[in-house]
Amino acid sequence: SVQPGGSLRLSCTASGDTLDNYNIGWFRQAPGKEREGI
C-alpha cells in the first residue's frame, strides 16, 4: 500500500530456468476489469 505520488518496485524472480531465455511481460488486473498488459 502506498499513497498517491509514491513509488514501489515490483520484482519477478524466476526459478527452474534462466530468465534470459524468456521475454517478459508485466500485466495488472483491477477488480472487475480484464487483465491489462502494461
Full PDB file with SEQRES, HELIX, SHEET, SSBOND, CRYST1, ORIGX, SCALE, CONECT and MASTER records, all heavy atoms in Angstrom:
SEQRES   1 A   38  SER VAL GLN PRO GLY GLY SER LEU ARG LEU SER CYS THR          
SEQRES   2 A   38  ALA SER GLY ASP THR LEU ASP ASN TYR ASN ILE GLY TRP          
SEQRES   3 A   38  PHE ARG GLN ALA PRO GLY LYS GLU ARG GLU GLY ILE              
HELIX    1 AA1 LEU A   19  ASN A   21  5                                   3    
SHEET    1 AA1 2 PHE A  27  ARG A  28  0                                        
SHEET    2 AA1 2 GLU A  36  GLY A  37 -1                                        
CRYST1    1.000    1.000    1.000  90.00  90.00  90.00 P 1           1          
ORIGX1      1.000000  0.000000  0.000000        0.00000                         
ORIGX2      0.000000  1.000000  0.000000        0.00000                         
ORIGX3      0.000000  0.000000  1.000000        0.00000                         
SCALE1      1.000000  0.000000  0.000000        0.00000                         
SCALE2      0.000000  1.000000  0.000000        0.00000                         
SCALE3      0.000000  0.000000  1.000000        0.00000                         
ATOM      1  N   SER A   1       0.845  -1.192   0.000  1.00  0.00           N  
ATOM      2  CA  SER A   1       0.000   0.000   0.000  1.00  0.00           C  
ATOM      3  C   SER A   1       0.876   1.236   0.000  1.00  0.00           C  
ATOM      4  O   SER A   1       1.878   1.304   0.724  1.00  0.00           O  
ATOM      5  CB  SER A   1      -0.906  -0.007   1.237  1.00  0.00           C  
ATOM      6  OG  SER A   1      -1.803  -1.082   1.187  1.00  0.00           O  
ATOM      7  N   VAL A   2       0.493   2.213  -0.791  1.00  0.00           N  
ATOM      8  CA  VAL A   2       1.280   3.431  -0.915  1.00  0.00           C  
ATOM      9  C   VAL A   2       0.335   4.593  -1.182  1.00  0.00           C  
ATOM     10  O   VAL A   2      -0.756   4.404  -1.742  1.00  0.00           O  
ATOM     11  CB  VAL A   2       2.323   3.276  -2.046  1.00  0.00           C  
ATOM     12  CG1 VAL A   2       1.642   3.100  -3.396  1.00  0.00           C  
ATOM     13  CG2 VAL A   2       3.314   4.413  -2.063  1.00  0.00           C  
ATOM     14  N   GLN A   3       0.753   5.780  -0.775  1.00  0.00           N  
ATOM     15  CA  GLN A   3      -0.055   6.965  -1.037  1.00  0.00           C  
ATOM     16  C   GLN A   3       0.142   7.450  -2.471  1.00  0.00           C  
ATOM     17  O   GLN A   3       1.172   7.165  -3.095  1.00  0.00           O  
ATOM     18  CB  GLN A   3       0.329   8.075  -0.060  1.00  0.00           C  
ATOM     19  CG  GLN A   3      -0.043   7.773   1.376  1.00  0.00           C  
ATOM     20  CD  GLN A   3       0.191   8.947   2.298  1.00  0.00           C  
ATOM     21  OE1 GLN A   3       0.958   9.859   1.993  1.00  0.00           O  
ATOM     22  NE2 GLN A   3      -0.487   8.955   3.442  1.00  0.00           N  
ATOM     23  N   PRO A   4      -0.837   8.170  -3.001  1.00  0.00           N  
ATOM     24  CA  PRO A   4      -0.662   8.746  -4.344  1.00  0.00           C  
ATOM     25  C   PRO A   4       0.622   9.573  -4.422  1.00  0.00           C  
ATOM     26  O   PRO A   4       0.955  10.301  -3.484  1.00  0.00           O  
ATOM     27  CB  PRO A   4      -1.905   9.631  -4.501  1.00  0.00           C  
ATOM     28  CG  PRO A   4      -2.929   8.972  -3.638  1.00  0.00           C  
ATOM     29  CD  PRO A   4      -2.174   8.444  -2.449  1.00  0.00           C  
ATOM     30  N   GLY A   5       1.328   9.406  -5.540  1.00  0.00           N  
ATOM     31  CA  GLY A   5       2.616  10.061  -5.708  1.00  0.00           C  
ATOM     32  C   GLY A   5       3.793   9.237  -5.241  1.00  0.00           C  
ATOM     33  O   GLY A   5       4.952   9.597  -5.511  1.00  0.00           O  
ATOM     34  N   GLY A   6       3.525   8.150  -4.552  1.00  0.00           N  
ATOM     35  CA  GLY A   6       4.593   7.304  -4.043  1.00  0.00           C  
ATOM     36  C   GLY A   6       5.145   6.353  -5.092  1.00  0.00           C  
ATOM     37  O   GLY A   6       4.726   6.366  -6.259  1.00  0.00           O  
ATOM     38  N   SER A   7       6.092   5.524  -4.646  1.00  0.00           N  
ATOM     39  CA  SER A   7       6.771   4.593  -5.546  1.00  0.00           C  
ATOM     40  C   SER A   7       6.813   3.200  -4.953  1.00  0.00           C  
ATOM     41  O   SER A   7       6.817   3.030  -3.727  1.00  0.00           O  
ATOM     42  CB  SER A   7       8.212   5.060  -5.796  1.00  0.00           C  
ATOM     43  OG  SER A   7       8.245   6.315  -6.432  1.00  0.00           O  
ATOM     44  N   LEU A   8       6.855   2.228  -5.823  1.00  0.00           N  
ATOM     45  CA  LEU A   8       7.095   0.832  -5.456  1.00  0.00           C  
ATOM     46  C   LEU A   8       7.953   0.196  -6.541  1.00  0.00           C  
ATOM     47  O   LEU A   8       7.888   0.603  -7.710  1.00  0.00           O  
ATOM     48  CB  LEU A   8       5.787   0.052  -5.341  1.00  0.00           C  
ATOM     49  CG  LEU A   8       4.891   0.303  -4.132  1.00  0.00           C  
ATOM     50  CD1 LEU A   8       3.569  -0.451  -4.309  1.00  0.00           C  
ATOM     51  CD2 LEU A   8       5.562  -0.151  -2.838  1.00  0.00           C  
ATOM     52  N   ARG A   9       8.718  -0.805  -6.154  1.00  0.00           N  
ATOM     53  CA  ARG A   9       9.436  -1.599  -7.141  1.00  0.00           C  
ATOM     54  C   ARG A   9       8.997  -3.053  -7.000  1.00  0.00           C  
ATOM     55  O   ARG A   9       9.202  -3.672  -5.951  1.00  0.00           O  
ATOM     56  CB  ARG A   9      10.954  -1.501  -6.972  1.00  0.00           C  
ATOM     57  CG  ARG A   9      11.691  -2.183  -8.127  1.00  0.00           C  
ATOM     58  CD  ARG A   9      13.195  -2.062  -8.028  1.00  0.00           C  
ATOM     59  NE  ARG A   9      13.755  -2.972  -7.060  1.00  0.00           N  
ATOM     60  CZ  ARG A   9      15.043  -3.344  -7.047  1.00  0.00           C  
ATOM     61  NH1 ARG A   9      15.877  -2.861  -7.960  1.00  0.00           N  
ATOM     62  NH2 ARG A   9      15.486  -4.150  -6.115  1.00  0.00           N  
ATOM     63  N   LEU A  10       8.409  -3.553  -8.053  1.00  0.00           N  
ATOM     64  CA  LEU A  10       7.999  -4.950  -8.086  1.00  0.00           C  
ATOM     65  C   LEU A  10       9.133  -5.800  -8.653  1.00  0.00           C  
ATOM     66  O   LEU A  10       9.852  -5.376  -9.553  1.00  0.00           O  
ATOM     67  CB  LEU A  10       6.751  -5.129  -8.940  1.00  0.00           C  
ATOM     68  CG  LEU A  10       5.543  -4.273  -8.571  1.00  0.00           C  
ATOM     69  CD1 LEU A  10       4.362  -4.645  -9.466  1.00  0.00           C  
ATOM     70  CD2 LEU A  10       5.183  -4.415  -7.113  1.00  0.00           C  
ATOM     71  N   SER A  11       9.255  -6.999  -8.111  1.00  0.00           N  
ATOM     72  CA  SER A  11      10.244  -7.957  -8.593  1.00  0.00           C  
ATOM     73  C   SER A  11       9.539  -9.200  -9.102  1.00  0.00           C  
ATOM     74  O   SER A  11       8.496  -9.599  -8.574  1.00  0.00           O  
ATOM     75  CB  SER A  11      11.205  -8.351  -7.470  1.00  0.00           C  
ATOM     76  OG  SER A  11      11.920  -7.234  -6.994  1.00  0.00           O  
ATOM     77  N   CYS A  12      10.110  -9.794 -10.101  1.00  0.00           N  
ATOM     78  CA  CYS A  12       9.636 -11.070 -10.653  1.00  0.00           C  
ATOM     79  C   CYS A  12      10.852 -11.982 -10.740  1.00  0.00           C  
ATOM     80  O   CYS A  12      11.694 -11.817 -11.620  1.00  0.00           O  
ATOM     81  CB  CYS A  12       9.017 -10.849 -12.022  1.00  0.00           C  
ATOM     82  SG  CYS A  12       8.592 -12.361 -12.917  1.00  0.00           S  
ATOM     83  N   THR A  13      10.933 -12.907  -9.798  1.00  0.00           N  
ATOM     84  CA  THR A  13      12.098 -13.773  -9.706  1.00  0.00           C  
ATOM     85  C   THR A  13      11.790 -15.133 -10.302  1.00  0.00           C  
ATOM     86  O   THR A  13      10.766 -15.743  -9.983  1.00  0.00           O  
ATOM     87  CB  THR A  13      12.540 -13.917  -8.252  1.00  0.00           C  
ATOM     88  OG1 THR A  13      12.848 -12.621  -7.727  1.00  0.00           O  
ATOM     89  CG2 THR A  13      13.782 -14.792  -8.155  1.00  0.00           C  
ATOM     90  N   ALA A  14      12.680 -15.582 -11.151  1.00  0.00           N  
ATOM     91  CA  ALA A  14      12.495 -16.851 -11.843  1.00  0.00           C  
ATOM     92  C   ALA A  14      13.298 -17.962 -11.183  1.00  0.00           C  
ATOM     93  O   ALA A  14      14.388 -17.723 -10.650  1.00  0.00           O  
ATOM     94  CB  ALA A  14      12.927 -16.711 -13.298  1.00  0.00           C  
ATOM     95  N   SER A  15      12.761 -19.168 -11.254  1.00  0.00           N  
ATOM     96  CA  SER A  15      13.490 -20.360 -10.815  1.00  0.00           C  
ATOM     97  C   SER A  15      13.165 -21.480 -11.782  1.00  0.00           C  
ATOM     98  O   SER A  15      12.183 -21.425 -12.519  1.00  0.00           O  
ATOM     99  CB  SER A  15      13.107 -20.746  -9.387  1.00  0.00           C  
ATOM    100  OG  SER A  15      11.737 -21.062  -9.304  1.00  0.00           O  
ATOM    101  N   GLY A  16      14.028 -22.470 -11.802  1.00  0.00           N  
ATOM    102  CA  GLY A  16      13.812 -23.613 -12.670  1.00  0.00           C  
ATOM    103  C   GLY A  16      14.392 -23.453 -14.055  1.00  0.00           C  
ATOM    104  O   GLY A  16      14.529 -24.421 -14.793  1.00  0.00           O  
ATOM    105  N   ASP A  17      14.729 -22.237 -14.416  1.00  0.00           N  
ATOM    106  CA  ASP A  17      15.343 -21.972 -15.712  1.00  0.00           C  
ATOM    107  C   ASP A  17      15.927 -20.566 -15.659  1.00  0.00           C  
ATOM    108  O   ASP A  17      15.656 -19.789 -14.736  1.00  0.00           O  
ATOM    109  CB  ASP A  17      14.326 -22.086 -16.841  1.00  0.00           C  
ATOM    110  CG  ASP A  17      14.973 -22.273 -18.206  1.00  0.00           C  
ATOM    111  OD1 ASP A  17      16.227 -22.169 -18.308  1.00  0.00           O  
ATOM    112  OD2 ASP A  17      14.234 -22.508 -19.185  1.00  0.00           O  
ATOM    113  N   THR A  18      16.708 -20.243 -16.668  1.00  0.00           N  
ATOM    114  CA  THR A  18      17.350 -18.935 -16.742  1.00  0.00           C  
ATOM    115  C   THR A  18      16.400 -17.934 -17.372  1.00  0.00           C  
ATOM    116  O   THR A  18      15.896 -18.151 -18.478  1.00  0.00           O  
ATOM    117  CB  THR A  18      18.631 -19.033 -17.577  1.00  0.00           C  
ATOM    118  OG1 THR A  18      19.500 -19.996 -16.980  1.00  0.00           O  
ATOM    119  CG2 THR A  18      19.338 -17.700 -17.641  1.00  0.00           C  
ATOM    120  N   LEU A  19      16.164 -16.818 -16.668  1.00  0.00           N  
ATOM    121  CA  LEU A  19      15.234 -15.817 -17.179  1.00  0.00           C  
ATOM    122  C   LEU A  19      15.677 -15.260 -18.524  1.00  0.00           C  
ATOM    123  O   LEU A  19      14.862 -14.816 -19.317  1.00  0.00           O  
ATOM    124  CB  LEU A  19      15.082 -14.694 -16.156  1.00  0.00           C  
ATOM    125  CG  LEU A  19      13.945 -13.712 -16.395  1.00  0.00           C  
ATOM    126  CD1 LEU A  19      12.602 -14.427 -16.317  1.00  0.00           C  
ATOM    127  CD2 LEU A  19      13.993 -12.580 -15.373  1.00  0.00           C  
ATOM    128  N   ASP A  20      16.967 -15.310 -18.781  1.00  0.00           N  
ATOM    129  CA  ASP A  20      17.494 -14.796 -20.045  1.00  0.00           C  
ATOM    130  C   ASP A  20      16.939 -15.554 -21.248  1.00  0.00           C  
ATOM    131  O   ASP A  20      17.029 -15.079 -22.377  1.00  0.00           O  
ATOM    132  CB  ASP A  20      19.023 -14.894 -20.032  1.00  0.00           C  
ATOM    133  CG  ASP A  20      19.653 -14.111 -21.168  1.00  0.00           C  
ATOM    134  OD1 ASP A  20      19.110 -13.050 -21.528  1.00  0.00           O  
ATOM    135  OD2 ASP A  20      20.683 -14.559 -21.698  1.00  0.00           O  
ATOM    136  N   ASN A  21      16.360 -16.722 -21.012  1.00  0.00           N  
ATOM    137  CA  ASN A  21      15.776 -17.496 -22.103  1.00  0.00           C  
ATOM    138  C   ASN A  21      14.382 -17.020 -22.497  1.00  0.00           C  
ATOM    139  O   ASN A  21      13.794 -17.559 -23.442  1.00  0.00           O  
ATOM    140  CB  ASN A  21      15.681 -18.972 -21.707  1.00  0.00           C  
ATOM    141  CG  ASN A  21      17.045 -19.618 -21.594  1.00  0.00           C  
ATOM    142  OD1 ASN A  21      17.997 -19.209 -22.249  1.00  0.00           O  
ATOM    143  ND2 ASN A  21      17.155 -20.611 -20.732  1.00  0.00           N  
ATOM    144  N   TYR A  22      13.859 -16.019 -21.786  1.00  0.00           N  
ATOM    145  CA  TYR A  22      12.453 -15.647 -21.937  1.00  0.00           C  
ATOM    146  C   TYR A  22      12.269 -14.149 -22.174  1.00  0.00           C  
ATOM    147  O   TYR A  22      13.013 -13.320 -21.640  1.00  0.00           O  
ATOM    148  CB  TYR A  22      11.670 -16.039 -20.682  1.00  0.00           C  
ATOM    149  CG  TYR A  22      11.720 -17.519 -20.407  1.00  0.00           C  
ATOM    150  CD1 TYR A  22      12.744 -18.064 -19.638  1.00  0.00           C  
ATOM    151  CD2 TYR A  22      10.745 -18.367 -20.908  1.00  0.00           C  
ATOM    152  CE1 TYR A  22      12.809 -19.423 -19.404  1.00  0.00           C  
ATOM    153  CE2 TYR A  22      10.795 -19.726 -20.667  1.00  0.00           C  
ATOM    154  CZ  TYR A  22      11.824 -20.254 -19.915  1.00  0.00           C  
ATOM    155  OH  TYR A  22      11.878 -21.601 -19.676  1.00  0.00           O  
ATOM    156  N   ASN A  23      11.228 -13.851 -22.925  1.00  0.00           N  
ATOM    157  CA  ASN A  23      10.707 -12.491 -22.996  1.00  0.00           C  
ATOM    158  C   ASN A  23       9.760 -12.279 -21.826  1.00  0.00           C  
ATOM    159  O   ASN A  23       9.085 -13.209 -21.385  1.00  0.00           O  
ATOM    160  CB  ASN A  23       9.963 -12.275 -24.308  1.00  0.00           C  
ATOM    161  CG  ASN A  23      10.872 -12.447 -25.499  1.00  0.00           C  
ATOM    162  OD1 ASN A  23      11.967 -11.888 -25.548  1.00  0.00           O  
ATOM    163  ND2 ASN A  23      10.440 -13.239 -26.471  1.00  0.00           N  
ATOM    164  N   ILE A  24       9.704 -11.052 -21.340  1.00  0.00           N  
ATOM    165  CA  ILE A  24       8.973 -10.743 -20.114  1.00  0.00           C  
ATOM    166  C   ILE A  24       7.852  -9.752 -20.378  1.00  0.00           C  
ATOM    167  O   ILE A  24       8.035  -8.780 -21.125  1.00  0.00           O  
ATOM    168  CB  ILE A  24       9.917 -10.136 -19.063  1.00  0.00           C  
ATOM    169  CG1 ILE A  24      11.027 -11.118 -18.705  1.00  0.00           C  
ATOM    170  CG2 ILE A  24       9.147  -9.712 -17.816  1.00  0.00           C  
ATOM    171  CD1 ILE A  24      10.537 -12.357 -18.017  1.00  0.00           C  
ATOM    172  N   GLY A  25       6.725  -9.985 -19.749  1.00  0.00           N  
ATOM    173  CA  GLY A  25       5.632  -9.020 -19.766  1.00  0.00           C  
ATOM    174  C   GLY A  25       5.128  -8.780 -18.356  1.00  0.00           C  
ATOM    175  O   GLY A  25       5.172  -9.676 -17.516  1.00  0.00           O  
ATOM    176  N   TRP A  26       4.693  -7.567 -18.101  1.00  0.00           N  
ATOM    177  CA  TRP A  26       4.032  -7.228 -16.844  1.00  0.00           C  
ATOM    178  C   TRP A  26       2.585  -6.851 -17.150  1.00  0.00           C  
ATOM    179  O   TRP A  26       2.321  -6.065 -18.085  1.00  0.00           O  
ATOM    180  CB  TRP A  26       4.731  -6.068 -16.138  1.00  0.00           C  
ATOM    181  CG  TRP A  26       5.974  -6.447 -15.416  1.00  0.00           C  
ATOM    182  CD1 TRP A  26       7.246  -6.469 -15.903  1.00  0.00           C  
ATOM    183  CD2 TRP A  26       6.064  -6.879 -14.054  1.00  0.00           C  
ATOM    184  NE1 TRP A  26       8.125  -6.881 -14.936  1.00  0.00           N  
ATOM    185  CE2 TRP A  26       7.423  -7.135 -13.781  1.00  0.00           C  
ATOM    186  CE3 TRP A  26       5.133  -7.069 -13.019  1.00  0.00           C  
ATOM    187  CZ2 TRP A  26       7.866  -7.572 -12.533  1.00  0.00           C  
ATOM    188  CZ3 TRP A  26       5.579  -7.499 -11.794  1.00  0.00           C  
ATOM    189  CH2 TRP A  26       6.939  -7.754 -11.559  1.00  0.00           C  
ATOM    190  N   PHE A  27       1.685  -7.386 -16.352  1.00  0.00           N  
ATOM    191  CA  PHE A  27       0.257  -7.157 -16.515  1.00  0.00           C  
ATOM    192  C   PHE A  27      -0.318  -6.719 -15.170  1.00  0.00           C  
ATOM    193  O   PHE A  27       0.301  -6.904 -14.130  1.00  0.00           O  
ATOM    194  CB  PHE A  27      -0.439  -8.456 -16.948  1.00  0.00           C  
ATOM    195  CG  PHE A  27      -0.103  -8.895 -18.345  1.00  0.00           C  
ATOM    196  CD1 PHE A  27       1.131  -9.460 -18.630  1.00  0.00           C  
ATOM    197  CD2 PHE A  27      -1.014  -8.751 -19.374  1.00  0.00           C  
ATOM    198  CE1 PHE A  27       1.450  -9.867 -19.922  1.00  0.00           C  
ATOM    199  CE2 PHE A  27      -0.712  -9.152 -20.657  1.00  0.00           C  
ATOM    200  CZ  PHE A  27       0.521  -9.713 -20.932  1.00  0.00           C  
ATOM    201  N   ARG A  28      -1.523  -6.173 -15.225  1.00  0.00           N  
ATOM    202  CA  ARG A  28      -2.241  -5.873 -13.996  1.00  0.00           C  
ATOM    203  C   ARG A  28      -3.729  -6.111 -14.221  1.00  0.00           C  
ATOM    204  O   ARG A  28      -4.221  -6.035 -15.356  1.00  0.00           O  
ATOM    205  CB  ARG A  28      -1.988  -4.446 -13.534  1.00  0.00           C  
ATOM    206  CG  ARG A  28      -2.544  -3.360 -14.438  1.00  0.00           C  
ATOM    207  CD  ARG A  28      -2.118  -1.992 -13.927  1.00  0.00           C  
ATOM    208  NE  ARG A  28      -2.652  -0.898 -14.731  1.00  0.00           N  
ATOM    209  CZ  ARG A  28      -2.328   0.368 -14.571  1.00  0.00           C  
ATOM    210  NH1 ARG A  28      -1.466   0.733 -13.611  1.00  0.00           N  
ATOM    211  NH2 ARG A  28      -2.863   1.305 -15.344  1.00  0.00           N  
ATOM    212  N   GLN A  29      -4.406  -6.389 -13.118  1.00  0.00           N  
ATOM    213  CA  GLN A  29      -5.841  -6.634 -13.183  1.00  0.00           C  
ATOM    214  C   GLN A  29      -6.502  -5.970 -11.992  1.00  0.00           C  
ATOM    215  O   GLN A  29      -6.252  -6.343 -10.844  1.00  0.00           O  
ATOM    216  CB  GLN A  29      -6.145  -8.124 -13.215  1.00  0.00           C  
ATOM    217  CG  GLN A  29      -7.607  -8.441 -13.491  1.00  0.00           C  
ATOM    218  CD  GLN A  29      -7.816  -9.888 -13.868  1.00  0.00           C  
ATOM    219  OE1 GLN A  29      -6.984 -10.756 -13.611  1.00  0.00           O  
ATOM    220  NE2 GLN A  29      -8.938 -10.173 -14.515  1.00  0.00           N  
ATOM    221  N   ALA A  30      -7.320  -4.985 -12.295  1.00  0.00           N  
ATOM    222  CA  ALA A  30      -8.089  -4.300 -11.270  1.00  0.00           C  
ATOM    223  C   ALA A  30      -9.415  -5.030 -11.067  1.00  0.00           C  
ATOM    224  O   ALA A  30      -9.881  -5.741 -11.967  1.00  0.00           O  
ATOM    225  CB  ALA A  30      -8.330  -2.851 -11.683  1.00  0.00           C  
ATOM    226  N   PRO A  31     -10.042  -4.874  -9.910  1.00  0.00           N  
ATOM    227  CA  PRO A  31     -11.316  -5.558  -9.653  1.00  0.00           C  
ATOM    228  C   PRO A  31     -12.348  -5.244 -10.730  1.00  0.00           C  
ATOM    229  O   PRO A  31     -12.570  -4.087 -11.087  1.00  0.00           O  
ATOM    230  CB  PRO A  31     -11.740  -4.991  -8.298  1.00  0.00           C  
ATOM    231  CG  PRO A  31     -10.463  -4.588  -7.644  1.00  0.00           C  
ATOM    232  CD  PRO A  31      -9.579  -4.098  -8.742  1.00  0.00           C  
ATOM    233  N   GLY A  32     -12.957  -6.291 -11.269  1.00  0.00           N  
ATOM    234  CA  GLY A  32     -13.991  -6.123 -12.270  1.00  0.00           C  
ATOM    235  C   GLY A  32     -13.509  -5.780 -13.661  1.00  0.00           C  
ATOM    236  O   GLY A  32     -14.318  -5.521 -14.555  1.00  0.00           O  
ATOM    237  N   LYS A  33     -12.189  -5.776 -13.857  1.00  0.00           N  
ATOM    238  CA  LYS A  33     -11.635  -5.419 -15.168  1.00  0.00           C  
ATOM    239  C   LYS A  33     -10.817  -6.570 -15.730  1.00  0.00           C  
ATOM    240  O   LYS A  33     -10.396  -7.478 -15.011  1.00  0.00           O  
ATOM    241  CB  LYS A  33     -10.778  -4.169 -15.056  1.00  0.00           C  
ATOM    242  CG  LYS A  33     -11.558  -2.910 -14.677  1.00  0.00           C  
ATOM    243  CD  LYS A  33     -10.703  -1.676 -14.810  1.00  0.00           C  
ATOM    244  CE  LYS A  33     -11.512  -0.422 -14.526  1.00  0.00           C  
ATOM    245  NZ  LYS A  33     -10.687   0.812 -14.681  1.00  0.00           N  
ATOM    246  N   GLU A  34     -10.571  -6.499 -17.025  1.00  0.00           N  
ATOM    247  CA  GLU A  34      -9.741  -7.507 -17.677  1.00  0.00           C  
ATOM    248  C   GLU A  34      -8.264  -7.274 -17.358  1.00  0.00           C  
ATOM    249  O   GLU A  34      -7.860  -6.168 -17.002  1.00  0.00           O  
ATOM    250  CB  GLU A  34      -9.955  -7.463 -19.188  1.00  0.00           C  
ATOM    251  CG  GLU A  34     -11.330  -7.903 -19.642  1.00  0.00           C  
ATOM    252  CD  GLU A  34     -11.430  -8.024 -21.144  1.00  0.00           C  
ATOM    253  OE1 GLU A  34     -10.470  -7.658 -21.839  1.00  0.00           O  
ATOM    254  OE2 GLU A  34     -12.480  -8.479 -21.629  1.00  0.00           O  
ATOM    255  N   ARG A  35      -7.498  -8.340 -17.484  1.00  0.00           N  
ATOM    256  CA  ARG A  35      -6.055  -8.207 -17.287  1.00  0.00           C  
ATOM    257  C   ARG A  35      -5.470  -7.356 -18.409  1.00  0.00           C  
ATOM    258  O   ARG A  35      -5.751  -7.584 -19.598  1.00  0.00           O  
ATOM    259  CB  ARG A  35      -5.411  -9.599 -17.268  1.00  0.00           C  
ATOM    260  CG  ARG A  35      -4.009  -9.608 -16.717  1.00  0.00           C  
ATOM    261  CD  ARG A  35      -3.540 -11.015 -16.409  1.00  0.00           C  
ATOM    262  NE  ARG A  35      -4.313 -11.616 -15.316  1.00  0.00           N  
ATOM    263  CZ  ARG A  35      -3.985 -12.748 -14.713  1.00  0.00           C  
ATOM    264  NH1 ARG A  35      -2.888 -13.405 -15.099  1.00  0.00           N  
ATOM    265  NH2 ARG A  35      -4.736 -13.237 -13.754  1.00  0.00           N  
ATOM    266  N   GLU A  36      -4.654  -6.400 -18.013  1.00  0.00           N  
ATOM    267  CA  GLU A  36      -4.125  -5.396 -18.937  1.00  0.00           C  
ATOM    268  C   GLU A  36      -2.611  -5.513 -19.035  1.00  0.00           C  
ATOM    269  O   GLU A  36      -1.919  -5.517 -18.012  1.00  0.00           O  
ATOM    270  CB  GLU A  36      -4.492  -3.999 -18.412  1.00  0.00           C  
ATOM    271  CG  GLU A  36      -3.836  -2.836 -19.129  1.00  0.00           C  
ATOM    272  CD  GLU A  36      -3.976  -1.516 -18.382  1.00  0.00           C  
ATOM    273  OE1 GLU A  36      -4.330  -1.527 -17.180  1.00  0.00           O  
ATOM    274  OE2 GLU A  36      -3.722  -0.463 -18.997  1.00  0.00           O  
ATOM    275  N   GLY A  37      -2.095  -5.607 -20.249  1.00  0.00           N  
ATOM    276  CA  GLY A  37      -0.649  -5.614 -20.436  1.00  0.00           C  
ATOM    277  C   GLY A  37      -0.114  -4.207 -20.355  1.00  0.00           C  
ATOM    278  O   GLY A  37      -0.589  -3.319 -21.066  1.00  0.00           O  
ATOM    279  N   ILE A  38       0.856  -3.968 -19.478  1.00  0.00           N  
ATOM    280  CA  ILE A  38       1.347  -2.606 -19.275  1.00  0.00           C  
ATOM    281  C   ILE A  38       2.799  -2.401 -19.681  1.00  0.00           C  
ATOM    282  O   ILE A  38       3.216  -1.270 -19.962  1.00  0.00           O  
ATOM    283  CB  ILE A  38       1.142  -2.146 -17.815  1.00  0.00           C  
ATOM    284  CG1 ILE A  38       1.842  -3.097 -16.840  1.00  0.00           C  
ATOM    285  CG2 ILE A  38      -0.341  -2.007 -17.503  1.00  0.00           C  
ATOM    286  CD1 ILE A  38       1.834  -2.618 -15.403  1.00  0.00           C  
TER     287      ILE A  38                                                      
MASTER        0    0    0    1    2    0    0    6  286    1    0    3          
END                                                                             
